[in-house]
Amino acid sequence: MIRLKDVCHTYNVGTPIEKRVLKNINLTVRNGETIGIMGAPGSGKTTLAMVMAGLIIPTSGDIVSPGPGPGKTGLLFQFPEHQLFCDSVFNDITYPLREIMGLPPAEVEERYNQACQGAGLNPQLIRKVRQSELSDGERRRVAIAAVLAMNPSVLIMDEPTVGLDPAGKSKVLNEINNLSKEGKTVIIISHDIEDLLCTAKRIILIEKGIIAEDGTVKQIISRLSQREETLPMLPWITELLVRLKRKGVNIKDDIYDPAAALQEIKRVLKKT
């Protein structure tokens, strides 16, 4: 479990560039939850992720967290190339197992194979491949495997699909769903609500360092649709339905699946 109580964080305290990023954050993440955290760039999402992972000690407030390390919290950074530095995929994924944890070779091999499978990679085909030979989507999945190899109880992913093509994005989101089904506690940080709707059961909106909204997918869609400034955060199809309803069309506006939205639009057209 992760629990934050009245957590605040300020960068460069006491300097001319002092900046308060998190303001009185109160948040509980229960074991096995899959949570999405969204917000505009600069809203404090990444800082919150690093606080929850135990990589930043907040300026004030109390935090309960497994902390970083094997079997605890694993953090997938926004730019996975920053986590990959060895001469092969195998060495990247197993580096902490060999050099930090000192596990025997047989266990290293077992964890490598399991981590690759958990990230949707073929452990033998990709074993000797260099980072420079990987696509962006493959780098993301190798970075995920490197985190999974340490068997974390909590997995935090910061913008896991940024810059990926549709195929690579789909593969990463599928692997996140698989991890969720396995009972992992998964926290996904993203500015794109559509990624979160595909994976999370609970969504938290961060605005200017505070928790502005916290609820189920349907609750968040309903709340965002009520505010003009947050309406563009919705999936485009949901925003369209909301605007149609505001024009007086008798249509459901809490739909975010395009196929379901098409059926709803056809239903309304038949009645006109």
C-alpha atoms as a PDB file:
ATOM      1  CA  MET A   1       0.000   0.000   0.000  1.00  0.00           C
ATOM      2  CA  ILE A   2       1.044   3.592  -0.672  1.00  0.00           C
ATOM      3  CA  ARG A   3      -0.364   6.367   1.483  1.00  0.00           C
ATOM      4  CA  LEU A   4       0.393  10.094   1.228  1.00  0.00           C
ATOM      5  CA  LYS A   5      -0.864  12.534   3.854  1.00  0.00           C
ATOM      6  CA  ASP A   6      -0.592  16.310   3.398  1.00  0.00           C
ATOM      7  CA  VAL A   7       2.405  15.840   1.111  1.00  0.00           C
ATOM      8  CA  CYS A   8       4.002  18.974  -0.332  1.00  0.00           C
ATOM      9  CA  HIS A   9       7.143  19.311  -2.391  1.00  0.00           C
ATOM     10  CA  THR A  10       9.110  22.399  -3.385  1.00  0.00           C
ATOM     11  CA  TYR A  11      12.129  22.461  -5.654  1.00  0.00           C
ATOM     12  CA  ASN A  12      15.102  24.790  -5.036  1.00  0.00           C
ATOM     13  CA  VAL A  13      13.918  25.892  -1.585  1.00  0.00           C
ATOM     14  CA  GLY A  14      15.278  29.273  -0.536  1.00  0.00           C
ATOM     15  CA  THR A  15      16.497  30.249  -3.997  1.00  0.00           C
ATOM     16  CA  PRO A  16      15.143  32.766  -6.548  1.00  0.00           C
ATOM     17  CA  ILE A  17      13.840  29.827  -8.630  1.00  0.00           C
ATOM     18  CA  GLU A  18      11.950  28.146  -5.768  1.00  0.00           C
ATOM     19  CA  LYS A  19       8.904  26.327  -7.111  1.00  0.00           C
ATOM     20  CA  ARG A  20       6.175  24.530  -5.186  1.00  0.00           C
ATOM     21  CA  VAL A  21       5.077  21.545  -7.276  1.00  0.00           C
ATOM     22  CA  LEU A  22       2.918  19.403  -4.947  1.00  0.00           C
ATOM     23  CA  LYS A  23       0.413  20.937  -2.551  1.00  0.00           C
ATOM     24  CA  ASN A  24      -1.229  18.993   0.284  1.00  0.00           C
ATOM     25  CA  ILE A  25      -1.568  15.681  -1.544  1.00  0.00           C
ATOM     26  CA  ASN A  26      -3.700  13.086   0.261  1.00  0.00           C
ATOM     27  CA  LEU A  27      -3.801   9.766  -1.562  1.00  0.00           C
ATOM     28  CA  THR A  28      -4.113   6.059  -0.798  1.00  0.00           C
ATOM     29  CA  VAL A  29      -3.213   3.355  -3.332  1.00  0.00           C
ATOM     30  CA  ARG A  30      -4.429  -0.085  -2.290  1.00  0.00           C
ATOM     31  CA  ASN A  31      -2.674  -3.342  -3.131  1.00  0.00           C
ATOM     32  CA  GLY A  32      -3.672  -4.686  -6.551  1.00  0.00           C
ATOM     33  CA  GLU A  33      -5.154  -1.409  -7.803  1.00  0.00           C
ATOM     34  CA  THR A  34      -4.548  -0.113 -11.315  1.00  0.00           C
ATOM     35  CA  ILE A  35      -4.608   3.672 -11.148  1.00  0.00           C
ATOM     36  CA  GLY A  36      -4.191   6.298 -13.847  1.00  0.00           C
ATOM     37  CA  ILE A  37      -2.830   9.734 -12.996  1.00  0.00           C
ATOM     38  CA  MET A  38      -3.418  12.435 -15.596  1.00  0.00           C
ATOM     39  CA  GLY A  39      -2.802  16.142 -15.926  1.00  0.00           C
ATOM     40  CA  ALA A  40      -1.335  18.814 -18.154  1.00  0.00           C
ATOM     41  CA  PRO A  41       2.460  19.113 -18.582  1.00  0.00           C
ATOM     42  CA  GLY A  42       3.925  20.752 -15.483  1.00  0.00           C
ATOM     43  CA  SER A  43       1.013  19.783 -13.249  1.00  0.00           C
ATOM     44  CA  GLY A  44       3.235  17.701 -10.934  1.00  0.00           C
ATOM     45  CA  LYS A  45       2.593  14.162 -12.253  1.00  0.00           C
ATOM     46  CA  THR A  46       6.231  13.079 -12.552  1.00  0.00           C
ATOM     47  CA  THR A  47       7.164  14.561  -9.175  1.00  0.00           C
ATOM     48  CA  LEU A  48       4.263  12.675  -7.605  1.00  0.00           C
ATOM     49  CA  ALA A  49       5.459   9.459  -9.258  1.00  0.00           C
ATOM     50  CA  MET A  50       8.976   9.902  -7.854  1.00  0.00           C
ATOM     51  CA  VAL A  51       7.616  10.667  -4.381  1.00  0.00           C
ATOM     52  CA  MET A  52       5.468   7.513  -4.452  1.00  0.00           C
ATOM     53  CA  ALA A  53       8.459   5.491  -5.674  1.00  0.00           C
ATOM     54  CA  GLY A  54      10.573   6.787  -2.798  1.00  0.00           C
ATOM     55  CA  LEU A  55      13.073   8.544  -5.076  1.00  0.00           C
ATOM     56  CA  ILE A  56      12.172  12.011  -3.749  1.00  0.00           C
ATOM     57  CA  ILE A  57      11.696  12.880  -0.088  1.00  0.00           C
ATOM     58  CA  PRO A  58       8.848  15.426   0.028  1.00  0.00           C
ATOM     59  CA  THR A  59       9.412  18.828   1.601  1.00  0.00           C
ATOM     60  CA  SER A  60       6.636  18.132   4.108  1.00  0.00           C
ATOM     61  CA  GLY A  61       3.935  15.592   4.893  1.00  0.00           C
ATOM     62  CA  ASP A  62       3.912  11.879   5.666  1.00  0.00           C
ATOM     63  CA  ILE A  63       4.330   9.004   3.234  1.00  0.00           C
ATOM     64  CA  VAL A  64       4.010   5.231   3.580  1.00  0.00           C
ATOM     65  CA  SER A  65       5.538   3.393   0.617  1.00  0.00           C
ATOM     66  CA  PRO A  66       7.474   0.185  -0.053  1.00  0.00           C
ATOM     67  CA  GLY A  67      10.285   2.424  -1.320  1.00  0.00           C
ATOM     68  CA  PRO A  68      12.619   1.666  -4.231  1.00  0.00           C
ATOM     69  CA  GLY A  69      14.464  -1.598  -4.680  1.00  0.00           C
ATOM     70  CA  PRO A  70      14.016  -5.303  -5.456  1.00  0.00           C
ATOM     71  CA  GLY A  71      10.592  -6.604  -4.428  1.00  0.00           C
ATOM     72  CA  LYS A  72       9.419  -3.079  -3.620  1.00  0.00           C
ATOM     73  CA  THR A  73       8.627  -0.268  -6.061  1.00  0.00           C
ATOM     74  CA  GLY A  74       9.760  -0.228  -9.683  1.00  0.00           C
ATOM     75  CA  LEU A  75       9.659   3.003 -11.705  1.00  0.00           C
ATOM     76  CA  LEU A  76       9.620   3.091 -15.499  1.00  0.00           C
ATOM     77  CA  PHE A  77      10.888   6.534 -16.479  1.00  0.00           C
ATOM     78  CA  GLN A  78       9.340   8.535 -19.307  1.00  0.00           C
ATOM     79  CA  PHE A  79      12.446   8.055 -21.464  1.00  0.00           C
ATOM     80  CA  PRO A  80      13.410   4.346 -21.287  1.00  0.00           C
ATOM     81  CA  GLU A  81      16.758   4.901 -22.994  1.00  0.00           C
ATOM     82  CA  HIS A  82      17.856   6.522 -19.726  1.00  0.00           C
ATOM     83  CA  GLN A  83      17.420   3.131 -18.042  1.00  0.00           C
ATOM     84  CA  LEU A  84      19.275   1.113 -20.688  1.00  0.00           C
ATOM     85  CA  PHE A  85      23.057   1.346 -20.715  1.00  0.00           C
ATOM     86  CA  CYS A  86      24.537  -2.127 -21.262  1.00  0.00           C
ATOM     87  CA  ASP A  87      25.791  -3.788 -24.453  1.00  0.00           C
ATOM     88  CA  SER A  88      22.834  -6.172 -24.818  1.00  0.00           C
ATOM     89  CA  VAL A  89      19.220  -6.627 -23.785  1.00  0.00           C
ATOM     90  CA  PHE A  90      20.162  -9.535 -21.521  1.00  0.00           C
ATOM     91  CA  ASN A  91      22.745  -7.475 -19.642  1.00  0.00           C
ATOM     92  CA  ASP A  92      20.375  -4.510 -19.322  1.00  0.00           C
ATOM     93  CA  ILE A  93      17.573  -6.611 -17.848  1.00  0.00           C
ATOM     94  CA  THR A  94      19.784  -8.657 -15.536  1.00  0.00           C
ATOM     95  CA  TYR A  95      22.271  -5.996 -14.402  1.00  0.00           C
ATOM     96  CA  PRO A  96      20.666  -5.390 -10.968  1.00  0.00           C
ATOM     97  CA  LEU A  97      20.136  -9.117 -10.481  1.00  0.00           C
ATOM     98  CA  ARG A  98      23.832  -9.832 -11.050  1.00  0.00           C
ATOM     99  CA  GLU A  99      25.602  -6.724  -9.804  1.00  0.00           C
ATOM    100  CA  ILE A 100      23.348  -5.540  -6.972  1.00  0.00           C
ATOM    101  CA  MET A 101      21.431  -8.558  -5.722  1.00  0.00           C
ATOM    102  CA  GLY A 102      24.174 -11.094  -6.503  1.00  0.00           C
ATOM    103  CA  LEU A 103      21.745 -13.827  -7.538  1.00  0.00           C
ATOM    104  CA  PRO A 104      23.079 -17.181  -8.800  1.00  0.00           C
ATOM    105  CA  PRO A 105      23.169 -17.633 -12.625  1.00  0.00           C
ATOM    106  CA  ALA A 106      20.267 -20.100 -12.674  1.00  0.00           C
ATOM    107  CA  GLU A 107      17.946 -17.645 -10.890  1.00  0.00           C
ATOM    108  CA  VAL A 108      19.153 -14.794 -13.097  1.00  0.00           C
ATOM    109  CA  GLU A 109      18.192 -16.819 -16.176  1.00  0.00           C
ATOM    110  CA  GLU A 110      14.789 -17.707 -14.743  1.00  0.00           C
ATOM    111  CA  ARG A 111      13.991 -14.108 -13.849  1.00  0.00           C
ATOM    112  CA  TYR A 112      15.210 -12.911 -17.253  1.00  0.00           C
ATOM    113  CA  ASN A 113      12.917 -15.334 -19.072  1.00  0.00           C
ATOM    114  CA  GLN A 114       9.918 -14.489 -16.895  1.00  0.00           C
ATOM    115  CA  ALA A 115      10.489 -10.736 -17.187  1.00  0.00           C
ATOM    116  CA  CYS A 116      10.751 -10.902 -20.981  1.00  0.00           C
ATOM    117  CA  GLN A 117       7.562 -12.920 -21.236  1.00  0.00           C
ATOM    118  CA  GLY A 118       5.810 -10.483 -18.906  1.00  0.00           C
ATOM    119  CA  ALA A 119       6.836  -7.599 -21.166  1.00  0.00           C
ATOM    120  CA  GLY A 120       5.831  -9.385 -24.370  1.00  0.00           C
ATOM    121  CA  LEU A 121       9.386 -10.125 -25.565  1.00  0.00           C
ATOM    122  CA  ASN A 122      10.934 -13.333 -26.888  1.00  0.00           C
ATOM    123  CA  PRO A 123      13.819 -13.893 -24.415  1.00  0.00           C
ATOM    124  CA  GLN A 124      16.002 -15.823 -26.848  1.00  0.00           C
ATOM    125  CA  LEU A 125      15.476 -13.710 -29.965  1.00  0.00           C
ATOM    126  CA  ILE A 126      16.193 -10.437 -28.184  1.00  0.00           C
ATOM    127  CA  ARG A 127      18.910 -11.647 -25.805  1.00  0.00           C
ATOM    128  CA  LYS A 128      21.975 -10.280 -27.633  1.00  0.00           C
ATOM    129  CA  VAL A 129      20.333  -7.301 -29.337  1.00  0.00           C
ATOM    130  CA  ARG A 130      21.842  -3.866 -28.623  1.00  0.00           C
ATOM    131  CA  GLN A 131      19.763  -0.875 -27.515  1.00  0.00           C
ATOM    132  CA  SER A 132      20.622   0.956 -30.761  1.00  0.00           C
ATOM    133  CA  GLU A 133      18.950  -1.839 -32.719  1.00  0.00           C
ATOM    134  CA  LEU A 134      15.635  -1.588 -30.867  1.00  0.00           C
ATOM    135  CA  SER A 135      12.536   0.340 -31.895  1.00  0.00           C
ATOM    136  CA  ASP A 136      11.026   2.819 -29.422  1.00  0.00           C
ATOM    137  CA  GLY A 137       8.320   0.291 -28.531  1.00  0.00           C
ATOM    138  CA  GLU A 138      10.904  -2.446 -27.943  1.00  0.00           C
ATOM    139  CA  ARG A 139      12.948  -0.105 -25.720  1.00  0.00           C
ATOM    140  CA  ARG A 140       9.848   0.534 -23.620  1.00  0.00           C
ATOM    141  CA  ARG A 141       9.226  -3.188 -23.245  1.00  0.00           C
ATOM    142  CA  VAL A 142      12.887  -3.911 -22.423  1.00  0.00           C
ATOM    143  CA  ALA A 143      12.737  -1.199 -19.745  1.00  0.00           C
ATOM    144  CA  ILE A 144       9.525  -2.756 -18.410  1.00  0.00           C
ATOM    145  CA  ALA A 145      11.225  -6.171 -18.338  1.00  0.00           C
ATOM    146  CA  ALA A 146      14.205  -4.704 -16.453  1.00  0.00           C
ATOM    147  CA  VAL A 147      11.799  -3.447 -13.783  1.00  0.00           C
ATOM    148  CA  LEU A 148       9.785  -6.688 -13.712  1.00  0.00           C
ATOM    149  CA  ALA A 149      12.963  -8.745 -13.230  1.00  0.00           C
ATOM    150  CA  MET A 150      13.276  -7.247  -9.741  1.00  0.00           C
ATOM    151  CA  ASN A 151       9.757  -8.512  -8.947  1.00  0.00           C
ATOM    152  CA  PRO A 152       8.364  -5.199  -7.632  1.00  0.00           C
ATOM    153  CA  SER A 153       5.173  -5.167  -5.610  1.00  0.00           C
ATOM    154  CA  VAL A 154       4.314  -1.767  -7.135  1.00  0.00           C
ATOM    155  CA  LEU A 155       4.998  -0.728 -10.723  1.00  0.00           C
ATOM    156  CA  ILE A 156       4.880   2.986 -11.625  1.00  0.00           C
ATOM    157  CA  MET A 157       5.043   3.938 -15.316  1.00  0.00           C
ATOM    158  CA  ASP A 158       5.613   7.535 -16.389  1.00  0.00           C
ATOM    159  CA  GLU A 159       4.150   8.207 -19.868  1.00  0.00           C
ATOM    160  CA  PRO A 160       4.740   4.625 -21.094  1.00  0.00           C
ATOM    161  CA  THR A 161       3.325   5.211 -24.613  1.00  0.00           C
ATOM    162  CA  VAL A 162       4.702   8.651 -25.527  1.00  0.00           C
ATOM    163  CA  GLY A 163       6.142   8.731 -29.045  1.00  0.00           C
ATOM    164  CA  LEU A 164       5.020   5.220 -29.989  1.00  0.00           C
ATOM    165  CA  ASP A 165       3.240   4.320 -33.205  1.00  0.00           C
ATOM    166  CA  PRO A 166      -0.241   2.732 -32.875  1.00  0.00           C
ATOM    167  CA  ALA A 167       1.142  -0.838 -33.002  1.00  0.00           C
ATOM    168  CA  GLY A 168       3.800  -0.192 -30.353  1.00  0.00           C
ATOM    169  CA  LYS A 169       1.314   1.667 -28.185  1.00  0.00           C
ATOM    170  CA  SER A 170      -1.161  -1.203 -28.383  1.00  0.00           C
ATOM    171  CA  LYS A 171       1.476  -3.748 -27.344  1.00  0.00           C
ATOM    172  CA  VAL A 172       2.586  -1.706 -24.321  1.00  0.00           C
ATOM    173  CA  LEU A 173      -1.024  -1.145 -23.184  1.00  0.00           C
ATOM    174  CA  ASN A 174      -1.752  -4.874 -23.556  1.00  0.00           C
ATOM    175  CA  GLU A 175       1.241  -5.720 -21.366  1.00  0.00           C
ATOM    176  CA  ILE A 176       0.064  -3.228 -18.727  1.00  0.00           C
ATOM    177  CA  ASN A 177      -3.342  -4.933 -18.717  1.00  0.00           C
ATOM    178  CA  ASN A 178      -1.677  -8.321 -18.320  1.00  0.00           C
ATOM    179  CA  LEU A 179       0.299  -7.076 -15.308  1.00  0.00           C
ATOM    180  CA  SER A 180      -2.907  -5.730 -13.789  1.00  0.00           C
ATOM    181  CA  LYS A 181      -4.639  -9.088 -14.257  1.00  0.00           C
ATOM    182  CA  GLU A 182      -1.729 -10.766 -12.465  1.00  0.00           C
ATOM    183  CA  GLY A 183      -2.530  -8.691  -9.372  1.00  0.00           C
ATOM    184  CA  LYS A 184       0.329  -6.183  -9.586  1.00  0.00           C
ATOM    185  CA  THR A 185      -0.265  -2.713  -8.194  1.00  0.00           C
ATOM    186  CA  VAL A 186       0.128  -0.546 -11.294  1.00  0.00           C
ATOM    187  CA  ILE A 187       0.201   3.256 -11.454  1.00  0.00           C
ATOM    188  CA  ILE A 188       0.236   4.838 -14.910  1.00  0.00           C
ATOM    189  CA  ILE A 189       1.148   8.504 -15.377  1.00  0.00           C
ATOM    190  CA  SER A 190      -0.147  10.009 -18.629  1.00  0.00           C
ATOM    191  CA  HIS A 191      -1.457  13.220 -20.170  1.00  0.00           C
ATOM    192  CA  ASP A 192      -3.563  11.068 -22.526  1.00  0.00           C
ATOM    193  CA  ILE A 193      -6.801   9.910 -20.924  1.00  0.00           C
ATOM    194  CA  GLU A 194      -7.392   7.373 -23.706  1.00  0.00           C
ATOM    195  CA  ASP A 195      -4.388   5.342 -22.484  1.00  0.00           C
ATOM    196  CA  LEU A 196      -5.836   5.368 -18.973  1.00  0.00           C
ATOM    197  CA  LEU A 197      -9.311   4.362 -20.102  1.00  0.00           C
ATOM    198  CA  CYS A 198      -7.758   1.247 -21.675  1.00  0.00           C
ATOM    199  CA  THR A 199      -5.995   0.216 -18.479  1.00  0.00           C
ATOM    200  CA  ALA A 200      -7.071   1.919 -15.248  1.00  0.00           C
ATOM    201  CA  LYS A 201     -10.107   1.380 -13.041  1.00  0.00           C
ATOM    202  CA  ARG A 202      -9.513   4.576 -11.076  1.00  0.00           C
ATOM    203  CA  ILE A 203      -8.298   7.912 -12.439  1.00  0.00           C
ATOM    204  CA  ILE A 204      -6.785  10.870 -10.597  1.00  0.00           C
ATOM    205  CA  LEU A 205      -6.522  14.328 -12.161  1.00  0.00           C
ATOM    206  CA  ILE A 206      -3.664  16.561 -11.000  1.00  0.00           C
ATOM    207  CA  GLU A 207      -4.035  20.305 -11.567  1.00  0.00           C
ATOM    208  CA  LYS A 208      -1.308  22.747 -10.491  1.00  0.00           C
ATOM    209  CA  GLY A 209       0.036  20.355  -7.876  1.00  0.00           C
ATOM    210  CA  ILE A 210      -3.253  19.376  -6.237  1.00  0.00           C
ATOM    211  CA  ILE A 211      -5.639  16.441  -6.677  1.00  0.00           C
ATOM    212  CA  ALA A 212      -8.539  18.028  -8.544  1.00  0.00           C
ATOM    213  CA  GLU A 213     -10.501  14.813  -9.189  1.00  0.00           C
ATOM    214  CA  ASP A 214     -10.338  11.201  -7.994  1.00  0.00           C
ATOM    215  CA  GLY A 215     -12.848   8.550  -9.010  1.00  0.00           C
ATOM    216  CA  THR A 216     -13.879   5.705 -11.266  1.00  0.00           C
ATOM    217  CA  VAL A 217     -13.619   6.024 -15.036  1.00  0.00           C
ATOM    218  CA  LYS A 218     -17.303   6.948 -15.399  1.00  0.00           C
ATOM    219  CA  GLN A 219     -17.126   9.441 -12.525  1.00  0.00           C
ATOM    220  CA  ILE A 220     -14.103  11.193 -14.026  1.00  0.00           C
ATOM    221  CA  ILE A 221     -15.662  11.367 -17.494  1.00  0.00           C
ATOM    222  CA  SER A 222     -18.809  12.855 -15.987  1.00  0.00           C
ATOM    223  CA  ARG A 223     -16.881  15.466 -13.981  1.00  0.00           C
ATOM    224  CA  LEU A 224     -14.592  16.481 -16.855  1.00  0.00           C
ATOM    225  CA  SER A 225     -17.594  16.881 -19.150  1.00  0.00           C
ATOM    226  CA  GLN A 226     -19.142  19.443 -16.780  1.00  0.00           C
ATOM    227  CA  ARG A 227     -16.236  21.919 -17.051  1.00  0.00           C
ATOM    228  CA  GLU A 228     -15.463  23.717 -20.297  1.00  0.00           C
ATOM    229  CA  GLU A 229     -11.739  23.944 -19.485  1.00  0.00           C
ATOM    230  CA  THR A 230     -11.424  20.176 -18.925  1.00  0.00           C
ATOM    231  CA  LEU A 231     -13.696  19.089 -21.778  1.00  0.00           C
ATOM    232  CA  PRO A 232     -10.736  18.818 -24.242  1.00  0.00           C
ATOM    233  CA  MET A 233      -9.120  16.281 -21.889  1.00  0.00           C
ATOM    234  CA  LEU A 234     -11.844  13.784 -22.790  1.00  0.00           C
ATOM    235  CA  PRO A 235     -11.497  11.370 -25.725  1.00  0.00           C
ATOM    236  CA  TRP A 236     -12.571  13.188 -28.904  1.00  0.00           C
ATOM    237  CA  ILE A 237     -15.623  10.980 -29.345  1.00  0.00           C
ATOM    238  CA  THR A 238     -16.816  11.686 -25.788  1.00  0.00           C
ATOM    239  CA  GLU A 239     -16.290  15.421 -26.259  1.00  0.00           C
ATOM    240  CA  LEU A 240     -18.406  15.231 -29.434  1.00  0.00           C
ATOM    241  CA  LEU A 241     -21.251  13.457 -27.595  1.00  0.00           C
ATOM    242  CA  VAL A 242     -21.128  15.979 -24.737  1.00  0.00           C
ATOM    243  CA  ARG A 243     -21.324  18.906 -27.149  1.00  0.00           C
ATOM    244  CA  LEU A 244     -24.246  17.272 -28.996  1.00  0.00           C
ATOM    245  CA  LYS A 245     -26.085  16.839 -25.704  1.00  0.00           C
ATOM    246  CA  ARG A 246     -25.470  20.483 -24.821  1.00  0.00           C
ATOM    247  CA  LYS A 247     -27.135  21.360 -28.133  1.00  0.00           C
ATOM    248  CA  GLY A 248     -30.253  19.541 -26.992  1.00  0.00           C
ATOM    249  CA  VAL A 249     -29.682  16.138 -28.614  1.00  0.00           C
ATOM    250  CA  ASN A 250     -31.055  13.288 -26.464  1.00  0.00           C
ATOM    251  CA  ILE A 251     -27.851  11.221 -26.496  1.00  0.00           C
ATOM    252  CA  LYS A 252     -25.687   9.388 -23.946  1.00  0.00           C
ATOM    253  CA  ASP A 253     -22.515  11.359 -23.311  1.00  0.00           C
ATOM    254  CA  ASP A 254     -20.517   9.000 -21.069  1.00  0.00           C
ATOM    255  CA  ILE A 255     -19.310   6.745 -23.908  1.00  0.00           C
ATOM    256  CA  TYR A 256     -15.606   6.632 -24.804  1.00  0.00           C
ATOM    257  CA  ASP A 257     -15.486   3.604 -27.102  1.00  0.00           C
ATOM    258  CA  PRO A 258     -15.800   4.743 -30.776  1.00  0.00           C
ATOM    259  CA  ALA A 259     -17.770   1.643 -31.823  1.00  0.00           C
ATOM    260  CA  ALA A 260     -20.263   2.102 -28.978  1.00  0.00           C
ATOM    261  CA  ALA A 261     -20.495   5.817 -29.777  1.00  0.00           C
ATOM    262  CA  LEU A 262     -21.287   5.037 -33.412  1.00  0.00           C
ATOM    263  CA  GLN A 263     -24.139   2.771 -32.327  1.00  0.00           C
ATOM    264  CA  GLU A 264     -25.461   5.502 -30.030  1.00  0.00           C
ATOM    265  CA  ILE A 265     -25.356   8.074 -32.847  1.00  0.00           C
ATOM    266  CA  LYS A 266     -27.172   5.642 -35.175  1.00  0.00           C
ATOM    267  CA  ARG A 267     -29.825   5.106 -32.493  1.00  0.00           C
ATOM    268  CA  VAL A 268     -30.435   8.833 -32.211  1.00  0.00           C
ATOM    269  CA  LEU A 269     -30.533   9.323 -35.987  1.00  0.00           C
ATOM    270  CA  LYS A 270     -33.201   6.634 -36.345  1.00  0.00           C
ATOM    271  CA  LYS A 271     -35.466   8.614 -34.016  1.00  0.00           C
ATOM    272  CA  THR A 272     -35.090  11.877 -35.888  1.00  0.00           C
END
